[in-house]
Amino acid sequence: MQNFNKEKFITGYKQSLRNINANNVKTVFLAYDVSENISTSVLAACNAVNCEDINREYNMAQLGSMAEIDVPAAVIVELK
């Protein structure tokens, strides 16, 4: 697992989606065990802005741990 520089990464569905829609992301870390509605909306937003760097190798607990938060995380984005 990688460690995240909190200045370059945003954790959480709503903030991540906002940054994806603004075409402000380099990489999207989308947990493989998120609900289908979250997965669908994140992937659709990525497709709309041609963001192709999507990492699906971690689960929600692992993403939460990498972000150093006490709860699982559905999505983390790396800012451009």
N, C-alpha and C. Protein backbone atom coordinates (compact mmCIF):
# COMPACT_ATOMS: atom_id res chain seq x y z
N MET A 1 0.84 -1.19 0.00
CA MET A 1 0.00 0.00 0.00
C MET A 1 0.87 1.24 0.00
N GLN A 2 0.36 2.27 -0.61
CA GLN A 2 1.12 3.51 -0.64
C GLN A 2 0.66 4.45 0.47
N ASN A 3 1.53 5.38 0.79
CA ASN A 3 1.18 6.43 1.74
C ASN A 3 0.83 7.68 0.96
N PHE A 4 -0.18 8.38 1.43
CA PHE A 4 -0.67 9.53 0.71
C PHE A 4 -0.20 10.83 1.33
N ASN A 5 0.25 11.74 0.49
CA ASN A 5 0.54 13.11 0.90
C ASN A 5 -0.82 13.82 0.93
N LYS A 6 -1.27 14.17 2.10
CA LYS A 6 -2.62 14.72 2.23
C LYS A 6 -2.86 15.99 1.43
N GLU A 7 -1.82 16.68 1.04
CA GLU A 7 -1.99 17.89 0.25
C GLU A 7 -2.32 17.57 -1.21
N LYS A 8 -1.95 16.40 -1.68
CA LYS A 8 -2.18 16.02 -3.08
C LYS A 8 -3.37 15.08 -3.25
N PHE A 9 -3.97 14.63 -2.14
CA PHE A 9 -5.04 13.64 -2.22
C PHE A 9 -6.29 14.11 -1.51
N ILE A 10 -7.43 13.77 -2.09
CA ILE A 10 -8.74 14.09 -1.51
C ILE A 10 -9.43 12.76 -1.21
N THR A 11 -9.96 12.63 -0.02
CA THR A 11 -10.66 11.41 0.38
C THR A 11 -12.14 11.70 0.52
N GLY A 12 -12.95 10.79 0.03
CA GLY A 12 -14.40 10.90 0.18
C GLY A 12 -15.11 11.03 -1.15
N TYR A 13 -16.29 10.48 -1.19
CA TYR A 13 -17.06 10.40 -2.43
C TYR A 13 -17.42 11.78 -3.00
N LYS A 14 -18.04 12.63 -2.21
CA LYS A 14 -18.53 13.91 -2.74
C LYS A 14 -17.40 14.83 -3.19
N GLN A 15 -16.37 14.97 -2.36
CA GLN A 15 -15.25 15.83 -2.73
C GLN A 15 -14.48 15.26 -3.92
N SER A 16 -14.34 13.94 -3.96
CA SER A 16 -13.64 13.31 -5.08
C SER A 16 -14.42 13.52 -6.38
N LEU A 17 -15.72 13.30 -6.32
CA LEU A 17 -16.56 13.47 -7.51
C LEU A 17 -16.52 14.91 -8.01
N ARG A 18 -16.52 15.85 -7.10
CA ARG A 18 -16.43 17.28 -7.47
C ARG A 18 -15.12 17.56 -8.22
N ASN A 19 -14.02 17.00 -7.73
CA ASN A 19 -12.72 17.21 -8.38
C ASN A 19 -12.60 16.45 -9.69
N ILE A 20 -13.22 15.28 -9.79
CA ILE A 20 -13.23 14.55 -11.06
C ILE A 20 -13.99 15.37 -12.10
N ASN A 21 -15.17 15.84 -11.73
CA ASN A 21 -15.98 16.63 -12.66
C ASN A 21 -15.29 17.91 -13.09
N ALA A 22 -14.41 18.45 -12.23
CA ALA A 22 -13.65 19.66 -12.57
C ALA A 22 -12.39 19.32 -13.37
N ASN A 23 -12.22 18.04 -13.67
CA ASN A 23 -11.03 17.56 -14.41
C ASN A 23 -9.74 17.97 -13.70
N ASN A 24 -9.76 17.79 -12.38
CA ASN A 24 -8.65 18.21 -11.54
C ASN A 24 -7.91 17.02 -10.92
N VAL A 25 -8.10 15.81 -11.47
CA VAL A 25 -7.48 14.63 -10.87
C VAL A 25 -6.52 13.93 -11.82
N LYS A 26 -5.50 13.37 -11.22
CA LYS A 26 -4.51 12.59 -11.96
C LYS A 26 -4.84 11.11 -11.87
N THR A 27 -5.13 10.62 -10.66
CA THR A 27 -5.43 9.20 -10.43
C THR A 27 -6.64 9.08 -9.52
N VAL A 28 -7.48 8.09 -9.81
CA VAL A 28 -8.64 7.80 -8.98
C VAL A 28 -8.42 6.42 -8.35
N PHE A 29 -8.51 6.35 -7.03
CA PHE A 29 -8.46 5.09 -6.31
C PHE A 29 -9.89 4.77 -5.89
N LEU A 30 -10.52 3.84 -6.57
CA LEU A 30 -11.91 3.47 -6.31
C LEU A 30 -11.92 2.07 -5.72
N ALA A 31 -12.44 1.94 -4.51
CA ALA A 31 -12.45 0.65 -3.83
C ALA A 31 -13.25 -0.37 -4.64
N TYR A 32 -12.76 -1.59 -4.67
CA TYR A 32 -13.45 -2.63 -5.44
C TYR A 32 -14.71 -3.12 -4.76
N ASP A 33 -14.91 -2.77 -3.50
CA ASP A 33 -16.09 -3.25 -2.78
C ASP A 33 -17.11 -2.15 -2.49
N VAL A 34 -17.06 -1.05 -3.26
CA VAL A 34 -18.06 0.01 -3.06
C VAL A 34 -19.39 -0.42 -3.65
N SER A 35 -20.45 0.26 -3.24
CA SER A 35 -21.77 -0.04 -3.79
C SER A 35 -21.80 0.30 -5.28
N GLU A 36 -22.70 -0.35 -5.97
CA GLU A 36 -22.78 -0.18 -7.42
C GLU A 36 -23.10 1.26 -7.82
N ASN A 37 -23.96 1.94 -7.06
CA ASN A 37 -24.32 3.31 -7.43
C ASN A 37 -23.13 4.26 -7.31
N ILE A 38 -22.27 4.06 -6.31
CA ILE A 38 -21.07 4.90 -6.18
C ILE A 38 -20.09 4.58 -7.30
N SER A 39 -19.87 3.31 -7.53
CA SER A 39 -18.96 2.89 -8.60
C SER A 39 -19.40 3.44 -9.95
N THR A 40 -20.68 3.31 -10.25
CA THR A 40 -21.21 3.77 -11.53
C THR A 40 -21.03 5.28 -11.70
N SER A 41 -21.34 6.05 -10.66
CA SER A 41 -21.24 7.51 -10.79
C SER A 41 -19.79 7.97 -10.90
N VAL A 42 -18.88 7.35 -10.16
CA VAL A 42 -17.47 7.73 -10.24
C VAL A 42 -16.91 7.36 -11.61
N LEU A 43 -17.20 6.16 -12.08
CA LEU A 43 -16.69 5.74 -13.39
C LEU A 43 -17.28 6.58 -14.52
N ALA A 44 -18.55 6.97 -14.41
CA ALA A 44 -19.17 7.82 -15.43
C ALA A 44 -18.50 9.20 -15.45
N ALA A 45 -18.21 9.74 -14.27
CA ALA A 45 -17.54 11.05 -14.19
C ALA A 45 -16.14 10.95 -14.79
N CYS A 46 -15.43 9.87 -14.49
CA CYS A 46 -14.09 9.67 -15.05
C CYS A 46 -14.16 9.59 -16.58
N ASN A 47 -15.14 8.87 -17.07
CA ASN A 47 -15.31 8.72 -18.52
C ASN A 47 -15.61 10.07 -19.17
N ALA A 48 -16.41 10.90 -18.51
CA ALA A 48 -16.79 12.19 -19.07
C ALA A 48 -15.61 13.14 -19.23
N VAL A 49 -14.60 13.00 -18.37
CA VAL A 49 -13.43 13.89 -18.46
C VAL A 49 -12.19 13.15 -18.97
N ASN A 50 -12.40 11.95 -19.49
CA ASN A 50 -11.31 11.12 -20.05
C ASN A 50 -10.21 10.82 -19.04
N CYS A 51 -10.58 10.60 -17.78
CA CYS A 51 -9.63 10.18 -16.76
C CYS A 51 -9.51 8.67 -16.85
N GLU A 52 -8.35 8.19 -17.26
CA GLU A 52 -8.17 6.76 -17.48
C GLU A 52 -7.35 6.09 -16.40
N ASP A 53 -6.73 6.84 -15.50
CA ASP A 53 -5.91 6.24 -14.45
C ASP A 53 -6.78 5.95 -13.23
N ILE A 54 -7.42 4.77 -13.26
CA ILE A 54 -8.33 4.35 -12.20
C ILE A 54 -7.78 3.08 -11.58
N ASN A 55 -7.49 3.14 -10.30
CA ASN A 55 -6.92 2.01 -9.57
C ASN A 55 -8.03 1.36 -8.76
N ARG A 56 -8.30 0.06 -9.02
CA ARG A 56 -9.36 -0.68 -8.31
C ARG A 56 -8.80 -1.83 -7.48
N GLU A 57 -7.54 -1.76 -7.06
CA GLU A 57 -6.93 -2.90 -6.37
C GLU A 57 -7.12 -2.91 -4.86
N TYR A 58 -7.69 -1.87 -4.28
CA TYR A 58 -7.85 -1.79 -2.82
C TYR A 58 -9.32 -1.85 -2.43
N ASN A 59 -9.58 -2.33 -1.21
CA ASN A 59 -10.96 -2.30 -0.71
C ASN A 59 -11.16 -1.03 0.13
N MET A 60 -12.37 -0.83 0.61
CA MET A 60 -12.69 0.40 1.34
C MET A 60 -11.88 0.53 2.63
N ALA A 61 -11.70 -0.57 3.34
CA ALA A 61 -10.93 -0.53 4.59
C ALA A 61 -9.48 -0.13 4.31
N GLN A 62 -8.90 -0.67 3.25
CA GLN A 62 -7.52 -0.34 2.90
C GLN A 62 -7.39 1.13 2.50
N LEU A 63 -8.35 1.64 1.73
CA LEU A 63 -8.29 3.06 1.35
C LEU A 63 -8.41 3.96 2.58
N GLY A 64 -9.30 3.60 3.50
CA GLY A 64 -9.43 4.38 4.73
C GLY A 64 -8.14 4.38 5.54
N SER A 65 -7.50 3.23 5.58
CA SER A 65 -6.23 3.11 6.29
C SER A 65 -5.14 3.94 5.63
N MET A 66 -5.07 3.90 4.31
CA MET A 66 -4.07 4.67 3.58
C MET A 66 -4.28 6.17 3.78
N ALA A 67 -5.55 6.58 3.89
CA ALA A 67 -5.86 8.00 4.09
C ALA A 67 -5.73 8.40 5.56
N GLU A 68 -5.40 7.42 6.41
CA GLU A 68 -5.25 7.65 7.85
C GLU A 68 -6.51 8.20 8.49
N ILE A 69 -7.65 7.60 8.11
CA ILE A 69 -8.93 7.94 8.73
C ILE A 69 -9.46 6.68 9.41
N ASP A 70 -10.37 6.85 10.33
CA ASP A 70 -10.86 5.72 11.14
C ASP A 70 -12.05 4.99 10.53
N VAL A 71 -12.44 5.39 9.35
CA VAL A 71 -13.57 4.76 8.67
C VAL A 71 -13.16 4.33 7.26
N PRO A 72 -13.89 3.40 6.67
CA PRO A 72 -13.57 3.01 5.29
C PRO A 72 -13.80 4.17 4.33
N ALA A 73 -13.07 4.15 3.22
CA ALA A 73 -13.21 5.19 2.18
C ALA A 73 -13.54 4.54 0.86
N ALA A 74 -14.55 5.06 0.18
CA ALA A 74 -14.96 4.53 -1.11
C ALA A 74 -14.02 4.96 -2.22
N VAL A 75 -13.56 6.20 -2.14
CA VAL A 75 -12.76 6.75 -3.22
C VAL A 75 -11.77 7.79 -2.69
N ILE A 76 -10.60 7.78 -3.30
CA ILE A 76 -9.56 8.79 -3.03
C ILE A 76 -9.06 9.24 -4.39
N VAL A 77 -8.84 10.53 -4.55
CA VAL A 77 -8.29 11.02 -5.81
C VAL A 77 -6.97 11.74 -5.57
N GLU A 78 -6.07 11.57 -6.51
CA GLU A 78 -4.81 12.30 -6.51
C GLU A 78 -4.98 13.51 -7.41
N LEU A 79 -4.74 14.68 -6.89
CA LEU A 79 -4.91 15.91 -7.66
C LEU A 79 -3.77 16.11 -8.66
N LYS A 80 -4.09 16.80 -9.75
CA LYS A 80 -3.08 17.12 -10.76
C LYS A 80 -2.07 18.10 -10.21
